[in-house]
Protein backbone atom coordinates (compact mmCIF):
# COMPACT_ATOMS: atom_id res chain seq x y z
CA MET A 1 -16.18 -265.85 36.03
CA GLU A 2 -20.10 -265.16 34.79
CA PRO A 3 -22.32 -263.77 37.35
CA GLU A 4 -24.77 -266.79 38.55
CA GLN A 5 -28.44 -266.17 36.93
CA GLY A 6 -30.84 -264.12 38.81
CA VAL A 7 -27.77 -261.88 40.12
CA THR A 8 -27.62 -258.78 38.11
CA ALA A 9 -24.11 -257.04 38.03
CA GLU A 10 -24.56 -253.21 38.12
CA PRO A 11 -21.90 -250.59 37.69
CA ILE A 12 -21.06 -248.40 40.54
CA ASP A 13 -22.63 -245.36 38.62
CA ALA A 14 -23.85 -246.75 35.10
CA ASN A 15 -24.78 -242.90 34.31
CA PRO A 16 -21.82 -240.18 33.94
CA LEU A 17 -24.20 -237.32 33.77
CA ARG A 18 -25.72 -238.61 37.00
CA TRP A 19 -22.56 -238.47 38.88
CA LEU A 20 -21.28 -235.44 36.96
CA TYR A 21 -24.87 -233.71 37.96
CA SER A 22 -23.93 -235.03 41.88
CA ILE A 23 -20.74 -233.32 41.73
CA PHE A 24 -22.34 -230.06 40.47
CA ALA A 25 -25.05 -229.93 42.83
CA ARG A 26 -22.75 -230.69 45.81
CA PHE A 27 -20.82 -227.79 44.71
CA VAL A 28 -23.44 -225.35 44.26
CA ALA A 29 -24.93 -226.28 47.59
CA ARG A 30 -21.67 -225.39 49.45
CA PHE A 31 -20.63 -222.06 47.34
CA TRP A 32 -24.07 -220.81 46.43
CA GLY A 33 -23.36 -217.31 47.83
CA VAL A 34 -20.14 -217.09 46.09
CA ILE A 35 -21.71 -218.14 42.73
CA ILE A 36 -24.41 -215.31 43.74
CA ILE A 37 -21.62 -212.65 43.80
CA LEU A 38 -20.13 -213.76 40.98
CA GLY A 39 -23.32 -213.52 38.65
CA ALA A 40 -23.86 -210.05 40.34
CA TRP A 41 -20.67 -208.75 39.19
CA GLN A 42 -20.74 -209.88 35.90
CA ALA A 43 -24.34 -208.60 35.07
CA TRP A 44 -23.78 -205.24 36.78
CA VAL A 45 -20.31 -205.12 34.41
CA LEU A 46 -22.50 -205.97 31.49
CA ILE A 47 -25.35 -203.41 32.38
CA SER A 48 -23.02 -200.72 33.39
CA GLY A 49 -20.82 -201.25 30.36
CA TYR A 50 -17.84 -200.47 32.62
CA ASN A 51 -14.31 -200.55 30.86
CA ALA A 52 -12.01 -202.91 31.70
CA ILE A 53 -9.31 -201.09 33.09
CA VAL A 54 -11.90 -200.17 35.89
CA LEU A 55 -13.76 -203.15 36.72
CA PRO A 56 -13.30 -206.42 34.57
CA PRO A 57 -15.83 -209.21 34.38
CA PRO A 58 -15.22 -212.29 36.15
CA LEU A 59 -15.58 -214.31 33.49
CA SER A 60 -12.61 -212.42 31.52
CA VAL A 61 -10.36 -212.63 34.86
CA LEU A 62 -11.24 -216.89 34.57
CA HIS A 63 -10.23 -216.71 31.04
CA GLN A 64 -7.16 -214.59 31.63
CA VAL A 65 -5.75 -217.16 34.54
CA ALA A 66 -6.54 -219.86 31.99
CA THR A 67 -4.61 -218.68 29.08
CA ASN A 68 -2.02 -217.68 31.26
CA LEU A 69 -1.95 -220.75 33.51
CA GLY A 70 1.71 -221.29 33.48
CA LEU A 71 2.51 -217.86 34.47
CA PHE A 72 0.25 -217.96 37.36
CA ALA A 73 1.03 -221.67 38.69
CA PHE A 74 4.82 -220.37 38.32
CA ALA A 75 4.16 -217.37 40.46
CA GLY A 76 1.61 -218.94 42.82
CA LEU A 77 4.30 -221.83 43.62
CA GLN A 78 6.79 -219.28 44.46
CA THR A 79 4.79 -217.16 46.62
CA LEU A 80 2.98 -220.39 48.33
CA ALA A 81 6.93 -221.64 49.17
CA VAL A 82 8.01 -218.71 50.62
CA ALA A 83 4.73 -218.58 52.85
CA ILE A 84 5.13 -222.17 53.89
CA ILE A 85 8.99 -221.84 54.81
CA GLY A 86 8.12 -217.97 56.75
CA THR A 87 5.06 -219.69 58.66
CA VAL A 88 7.44 -222.66 59.66
CA ILE A 89 9.99 -220.15 60.83
CA GLY A 90 7.57 -217.97 62.69
CA MET A 91 5.70 -221.22 64.27
CA LEU A 92 8.90 -222.13 65.66
CA LEU A 93 10.55 -218.87 67.04
CA GLY A 94 6.82 -218.50 68.40
CA SER A 95 6.98 -221.53 69.99
CA VAL A 96 10.47 -221.05 71.21
CA ALA A 97 9.34 -217.61 72.74
CA ALA A 98 6.34 -219.28 74.30
CA ILE A 99 8.45 -221.93 76.09
CA LEU A 100 11.23 -219.42 77.41
CA ALA A 101 8.21 -217.39 78.84
CA TRP A 102 6.74 -220.13 80.55
CA TYR A 103 10.07 -221.02 81.92
CA SER A 104 11.27 -217.69 83.27
CA ARG A 105 8.96 -214.90 84.29
CA LEU A 106 12.01 -212.20 83.34
CA PHE A 107 11.60 -213.78 79.71
CA SER A 108 7.85 -213.49 79.83
CA GLY A 109 8.45 -209.85 80.70
CA LEU A 110 10.68 -209.38 77.76
CA LEU A 111 9.45 -211.10 75.18
CA THR A 112 5.34 -210.33 75.43
CA PRO A 113 5.84 -206.29 74.97
CA LEU A 114 8.03 -207.04 71.85
CA ALA A 115 5.69 -209.55 70.23
CA LEU A 116 2.56 -206.90 70.70
CA ILE A 117 4.63 -204.25 69.31
CA PHE A 118 5.65 -206.54 65.96
CA THR A 119 2.08 -207.45 65.82
CA ALA A 120 1.01 -203.64 66.02
CA VAL A 121 3.23 -202.80 63.29
CA PRO A 122 1.33 -203.30 59.67
CA ALA A 123 3.56 -205.52 57.67
CA VAL A 124 3.86 -203.22 54.71
CA ALA A 125 5.60 -200.72 57.28
CA LEU A 126 7.54 -203.76 58.02
CA VAL A 127 8.65 -204.30 54.24
CA PRO A 128 11.34 -201.37 54.33
CA VAL A 129 12.97 -201.84 57.50
CA ILE A 130 13.84 -205.61 56.94
CA ALA A 131 14.54 -205.11 53.26
CA ARG A 132 17.39 -203.11 54.57
CA LEU A 133 18.77 -205.60 56.88
CA LEU A 134 18.28 -208.45 54.61
CA GLY A 135 17.90 -207.46 51.38
CA TYR A 136 15.33 -206.80 48.55
CA ASP A 137 14.91 -210.49 47.88
CA ILE A 138 13.03 -213.76 48.60
CA ARG A 139 14.78 -213.44 52.09
CA THR A 140 12.34 -210.48 53.20
CA VAL A 141 9.43 -212.09 52.31
CA ILE A 142 10.39 -215.00 54.18
CA ALA A 143 10.56 -212.72 57.21
CA ILE A 144 7.35 -210.85 56.62
CA VAL A 145 5.89 -214.16 56.77
CA ALA A 146 7.88 -215.42 60.10
CA VAL A 147 6.85 -212.14 61.62
CA ILE A 148 3.21 -212.54 60.75
CA SER A 149 3.25 -216.06 62.08
CA PHE A 150 5.27 -215.23 65.41
CA PHE A 151 2.72 -214.08 67.78
CA PRO A 152 -0.28 -216.41 67.23
CA SER A 153 2.08 -219.15 67.74
CA PHE A 154 3.63 -216.96 70.79
CA VAL A 155 -0.05 -216.37 72.19
CA PHE A 156 -1.37 -219.71 71.76
CA THR A 157 1.32 -221.73 72.65
CA GLY A 158 1.95 -219.73 75.74
CA SER A 159 -1.90 -220.25 76.33
CA GLY A 160 -1.62 -224.05 75.85
CA LEU A 161 1.67 -224.34 78.14
CA ARG A 162 -0.51 -223.27 80.87
CA ALA A 163 -4.00 -224.53 80.42
CA LEU A 164 -2.73 -227.96 82.28
CA PRO A 165 -5.49 -230.56 83.81
CA PRO A 166 -6.57 -229.41 87.11
CA GLY A 167 -4.01 -230.86 89.54
CA SER A 168 -1.54 -232.22 87.31
CA ALA A 169 0.82 -229.63 88.26
CA ASP A 170 1.02 -230.51 91.67
CA LEU A 171 1.15 -234.05 91.28
CA PHE A 172 4.31 -233.62 88.96
CA ARG A 173 5.83 -231.39 91.88
CA VAL A 174 4.90 -233.58 94.47
CA ASN A 175 6.83 -236.51 92.67
CA GLY A 176 9.65 -234.54 92.51
CA ALA A 177 9.63 -233.72 88.70
CA SER A 178 12.06 -231.22 87.25
CA THR A 179 11.33 -228.35 85.24
CA TRP A 180 12.41 -230.31 82.13
CA MET A 181 10.24 -232.95 83.16
CA GLN A 182 6.73 -230.88 83.50
CA LEU A 183 7.47 -229.18 80.17
CA ARG A 184 8.14 -232.48 78.23
CA TYR A 185 5.71 -234.85 79.70
CA LEU A 186 2.65 -232.02 80.89
CA ALA A 187 3.03 -228.42 79.27
CA LEU A 188 4.31 -229.50 75.73
CA PRO A 189 1.64 -232.07 75.34
CA ALA A 190 -1.48 -229.67 76.81
CA ALA A 191 -0.15 -227.07 74.05
CA VAL A 192 -0.32 -229.13 70.85
CA PRO A 193 -4.04 -228.54 70.39
CA HIS A 194 -3.40 -224.87 70.77
CA TRP A 195 -0.66 -224.67 68.76
CA MET A 196 -2.95 -225.94 66.09
CA VAL A 197 -4.97 -223.10 66.21
CA ALA A 198 -2.44 -220.99 66.09
CA LEU A 199 -1.28 -222.78 62.74
CA ARG A 200 -4.82 -222.72 61.55
CA LEU A 201 -4.58 -218.59 61.92
CA GLY A 202 -1.30 -218.58 60.23
CA ALA A 203 -2.44 -220.65 57.29
CA ALA A 204 -5.05 -217.87 56.75
CA SER A 205 -2.86 -214.86 56.82
CA ALA A 206 0.69 -216.21 55.26
CA VAL A 207 0.23 -215.46 51.74
CA LEU A 208 -1.70 -212.74 52.08
CA SER A 209 1.59 -211.70 53.94
CA ALA A 210 3.62 -213.25 51.52
CA ILE A 211 1.81 -211.19 48.53
CA ILE A 212 2.40 -207.72 50.31
CA ALA A 213 5.98 -208.35 50.81
CA GLU A 214 6.40 -209.19 47.17
CA PHE A 215 3.96 -206.49 45.91
CA ALA A 216 5.90 -203.53 47.70
CA MET A 217 9.30 -204.99 46.66
CA GLY A 218 8.44 -206.25 42.96
CA THR A 219 10.86 -209.44 43.12
CA SER A 220 8.70 -212.51 42.32
CA GLY A 221 5.59 -214.25 42.90
CA LEU A 222 1.91 -213.25 42.58
CA GLY A 223 2.86 -210.24 44.13
CA SER A 224 4.98 -209.00 41.21
CA VAL A 225 2.77 -210.29 39.09
CA PHE A 226 -0.12 -207.91 40.69
CA SER A 227 2.44 -205.36 40.83
CA GLU A 228 3.50 -205.31 36.92
CA ALA A 229 -0.29 -205.55 36.05
CA ARG A 230 -0.95 -202.55 37.75
CA ASP A 231 1.64 -200.54 36.28
CA SER A 232 0.32 -201.47 32.90
CA PHE A 233 -3.27 -201.14 34.28
CA ASP A 234 -3.89 -204.51 33.36
CA MET A 235 -6.81 -205.14 35.93
CA THR A 236 -7.85 -208.33 34.71
CA ARG A 237 -4.59 -209.89 35.20
CA ALA A 238 -3.92 -208.04 38.31
CA LEU A 239 -7.31 -209.83 39.76
CA GLY A 240 -6.57 -213.27 38.20
CA ALA A 241 -3.28 -212.87 40.65
CA SER A 242 -5.99 -212.09 43.29
CA LEU A 243 -7.98 -215.04 42.53
CA VAL A 244 -5.00 -217.52 42.46
CA ALA A 245 -3.86 -216.28 45.95
CA THR A 246 -7.58 -216.46 47.20
CA ILE A 247 -7.50 -220.09 45.98
CA ILE A 248 -4.38 -220.90 47.63
CA SER A 249 -5.41 -219.23 50.93
CA VAL A 250 -8.37 -221.19 51.30
CA ILE A 251 -6.88 -224.52 50.40
CA GLY A 252 -4.14 -223.76 53.21
CA PHE A 253 -6.89 -222.98 55.43
CA LEU A 254 -8.68 -225.92 54.66
CA LEU A 255 -5.71 -228.18 54.98
CA ALA A 256 -4.94 -226.61 58.67
CA ILE A 257 -8.35 -226.95 59.53
CA SER A 258 -8.39 -230.95 58.52
CA ALA A 259 -4.76 -231.23 60.65
CA GLU A 260 -6.68 -229.34 63.76
CA ARG A 261 -9.23 -231.53 63.75
CA ILE A 262 -7.26 -234.62 63.45
CA VAL A 263 -5.14 -233.50 66.10
CA ARG A 264 -8.41 -232.61 68.40
CA ASP A 265 -9.66 -235.86 67.86
CA ARG A 266 -6.41 -237.86 68.73
CA TRP A 267 -5.82 -235.57 72.17
CA ASP A 268 -9.38 -235.45 73.20
């Protein structure tokens, strides 16, 4: 069907250069600080003449990732997988522990000090202990991530279980609601937004925890790539692994923020 006379059918964007420029402008507006840091880094390395073993320029790091994309993608997927599995396990265990602590003062007195102790111990110090128990393989990496994710889930879920609307607990008790009914219909719904905060915090540290465990054991993932690059004095590849890990962490963090915002909008 031909357009009527006097009506001009214009495409959505007749100039692809203008579309690319708008994308570039939005990117610069959002990440101008990172661009300045990378530009200063590149200029500093070129002016000072540092050897690549000491400090490679960022363009070399980007070239390393681009030319070895398969290696970094496979290692990144391995790290991402164990980070997700460990986070899910840690969040579930932390939530269950928080529910037990809410249900019983005895459990609260037992679990809270243990959670504080595990949080105070650095992840690097936990690796040899857990590796002795589970073995020097992927199970230890998952366990390290689970331990790191446990404490935020325990704390924020416990806080949410007690952040009830004023007078709601008394209303439930007056109407003869059991403890299970109070947990199911009152405490757990109140804890969901707080649980999402724990997920955001866990997503930010899960990849880093996985890389620390992989680096300490040299088994697989980006941590293993970083360890092998360090042993061969290949700082360009080591920083490439760090770059991929940073990208994965940022994406996970942004997804967690989006999920938290959706949940909060629904609960409010």
